[in-house]
Amino acid sequence: MAYLARIEQQTSEPFAFLENTAPATQKPEFSDLEWSIVRLARRDGVWTLRPYGRLRRFFRWLTGLGINPRLADPRLEAIRRIAVLSWRFGFTVPGRDVADFIAAGFSPDQYELLVSSVSAALTSSAQRNSR
């Protein structure tokens, strides 16, 4: 009955184990490839995030359009998905999508960097268009 066994801390200091697991304070960053995916995601619609239904599969078969917007690398697909949502909705991305992004190996700081960069790009393009 291992599940009934009491779990005791190995140290006399309570919660001392949290100090070793805290992430190093590094500046969040993305590679050039990841930034290019963020820029390209601006043109993708939210419909590219949904799975294909019967009608869309039939239309693709009928027209011969075999273009799949999804990326083969799961990490890059996660950044594409969150970038598409960020371009459309800013910081109001659903929590489940943010959790999927973090589960793909990214940090919350990287999410904040991505969304703030997207927001800054949208603001600067809106200012240029208003002139």
Foldseek 3Di string as FASTA:
>chain_A
DVVPDDDDDPDPDPPPVVVVVDDDDDQDDDDPVLVVLLVVLLPDALVLVDDDDPVNVVVCVVVVPPDRPADPDLLSNLSSNLSNCLLVPQPPDDPVSVVSNVVSPHDVSNSVVSSVVSVVVVVVVVVVVVD
